[in-house]
Structures are given as structure tokens and as C-alpha cells.
Amino acid sequence: MPLPLIHYLYPSNLSKYLRQSENDAPTWALITGSTDGIGLALAHRLAALGSNIILHGRNTSKLHRCQSHLEATFPTQSFLTVTTDASSFTPEDIAHITATVSSLPLTILINNVGGTSPLSSNFKHFEDTTPKEISALFALNILFPIHLTQAILPILQRHTSPSLILNIGSQSWPGMPYAATYSATKGALHAWSRGLAAELHHIMAVIWGLDLKDMQWGKFKNSYMWNREYHQRRTRFIVYQIAMIFCVVSESLGTAALSDYVDQQNFVAVKSPGATVHNNNFVGIASYNIFVGVYVATIFGSAFFFDLFWPERSESPAVKLAWRICSVLACMFTLSAALAYTYIVAAKSAYVTGTDAGTATRLLIEYGGSPLRYRENGRAVASIVFLWIGMVATFASTGLLWHSLSHIDTHGPKSTHARVRDGLTEKPTSNPEVASQAPSV
């Protein structure tokens, strides 16, 4: 999928880290190694988006120049600096940085500092690297980020606003020659990042703005699943499931019939070389029906689980448009499949060429099952019956989905019953976004 389309359907969730949940005031971001390169570019971008920035570097005068430049460029934002040489840091340095940010609403930590500055040359033979250079390289690229993150993590977890830890590294997989030690430090950074993400998964995993800790078995309980809290929840769940179940059963029955007809082709071809069973019209429509069943189950299965686990999620207009388009396509697919499937099974038959009628009849009897007339195949007929019911349910599901999206745009996700109970007369100013209350790695 092209990157612009991905961005359109799932625009960046970065904005949720830039405002405090309590008062919508700007938050702070700490960017290590931010006096040039990627770090400085990130500072520019976050400041442009409304974040206050804490700049980190080892050169005080360079830090002050960057601070002055950013203050002139973004006069409404605030900027602080902390000076530490990450290649030779001490516990006191970590404590100093922690003290600087402890009273701020810090929500973003970007571990960007790194490189090969401790080396006498960016590329050199491993045996020429001194023990001092190796120690400094590991301190710069892995030990400093680990110690800093350990100190900052409680501050990120303290706030109710969602937070983000971003570790920037390269060359972790290639293991570049003449940069073996540097590659090792970045590989360690990558492994640590993955391990930390898994360790804190239960409190911080967020995908597309959806907090994965909300995926709980308890939400399948009747008391939650069928509550009246959300608009047409029970109706949507029932109709979505009817569409999914009947379309999937249809494609399963069709798959069984399809398999028999493919085996019939192979059997006749082996028993009588030169003979061919022509039943590709059924094979084709049954294959298309498999796609339709999977598609309907994917779209309305996703809608079902999204509404079950994240009923108050916030979706962009682009995502809502995608829901609408996908549901309409489901209607088109099921209708076209039902019409074509019905016509082929009702009016068409398989036939054999390349041999005489007697031999063809004997081979078909020997194979058994799979009559040449498709309408005499019980599984094919049953597949069509289930498909028509699934098609009607798909149209109903699409109507419910569209109506639900319109209701959310106007009144929010809550049902009329819940809104009256809570004294809500109109949609809240913004839907509460489902997000972690702890940092997201």
C-alpha cells in the first residue's frame, strides 16, 4: 500500500502526546542528542506541532545556539537545555536530567543520542579499536539510553496523559564490517527496545490509538456484550454476526463442492489421458464466493470487535470513509456472487471432452459424487441459500454501520438511553480517545 494512502487512512497519532489530558496545555518532550541532525529536526517538528522541548547535548554553547534559534522560530513554545556527555556520563548526570524534567508534564522521551564519536575513526578494524573506545561507544549508544529511560519512566507513568518512548537506531541488523562494535550497540538497543515494549505491554501497547489492554475476555460476558450503553449495540452485533456466519458457511459449503469438482478433473485426466472435464465455471464462481465470505467476515468481524473492545474510540474522517467504502464493496461483492452463483448452478452443467460418451459416463460413475448438473449438487445449492441470506444480512449490516457512524458524528457513541440517563443533550466536544495512561514504547 502506498505510504500516502497509509497516512490518509491512518494519520499520525502523535498529536495525542502533545496535549495534557487534564487541561489541554502543551506537554514537554526530551530529545537526547538534539543539537544537530535527526535530533534537531525532531525538535523543529515537535515544536511546530505545539510541544515544548528539552534539548540535550554535550556542548553547552551549541545547545544555547540551538535554543535561541528555536525560540526565535517558535516564540510560543518553551525550550530548556541539559548538558551531559553521554559517552562518559555518571549517575549524577542522570540525576541532574531527571531533576530538570521531574516537575514538567513530560510525555515524550526520544533516545536519539548516539554515533561513533568516541572512535578515532568512524570506520576501523575491530582489532584496532581500543578498550576505552569500546566502553565509550557502549556508554553512548546503549548504557546512557537505558539508564536515562529507567530514571524517566516513573515520570512518564505519573501523568494521566498518554506518553511515548522512541528509541532511534540504525545498523542493528546488517552488522557492518569496520563498524562491528557500533552495530553491536545498535543491535543491543533494538533488542532492549523490543524487550521493554513486551515487558510493559499490559500498560502501554497502543496501535492506531487503540489500547490493546482493552482486549479482555470479560468483554464477552452477556452483561457487557449486550448492554444498552452504546447506540444500537445489540442490533449491530446480531446482524453483523448473521452476515459473517452465513457468508462463511456459504463459502465453506462451496469450498467442499469446489474441491470435489477439482478432484473430478484430476481423476478423469489420470484415468483417461486426453479427456477433460469442463467445470471451470463452477470452480471460478465458488472461488470468488470464498473471497466474498472472507471479505465480509473481515469487514464486519473487524467492526464487531472494534465496537466490542473500543466502543468509544476516536476515528478520523478518513477511517470512517474507509468503513463506508468497505461496507459498500461488501454489498457489491455479495450481490454479484449471489446472482452469478445462482445462475451458474441453476442453468449450467459440466461436460467431458476428449473421449466417447460411454467412457465419460463410466469414469464419472467410478469417481462418484459431483454430478455434472450443478443444481443436483446438494452442497452447491445449500451454499447459494446461505449466500443469499448472508447477502441480505450484509446489506443490513452496511445500513447499520452507516447509521452508527452518522450517530457518532452527531451525538457520540452512547445510546439515547445512556445520554438521557447522563443528562447529555448533544455530542461531547470531542470523543475521549482510547489511549494508554502510561508510556508507549
Foldseek 3Di string as FASTA:
>chain_A
DDPVVVCLQQPDPVLLLQAAPPPRAGAEEEFAPQLDDPNVVVVLVSVVSPHAYEYEEADPVSVVVSLVVSCVVRVVHHYHYQHDLQLDGDPVSLVVVLVVPLVGRYFYYELDWAAQVLDPDRFAAPVPQDPSSLSSRLSGQPVSVVSNCVSCQVSQLVGQGEHAYHYDADLCPPCDHRNNSNNVSRVVVVVVVVVVQVVCLCFAAADSLARVVLPDPVLPDCCNQVDQFFACRNVLLVLLVLLLVLLQLLLVLLVVLLVLVVVLQVQCCVVPPQKGKPDVLSNVLSVLSNVLSVLSCVLSVVVNVCCSRPVLADGDPSNLVVSLVSLVVSLVSLVVSLVSLVCCLQPHFMDMDRDDPVVVVVSDVVSDDNHRRNVVRPSSVSSSVSSVSSSVSSVVSSVVSVVQVVCCVWANGTHPVNCVVVVHPTHPPGGDHRGGSGYRD
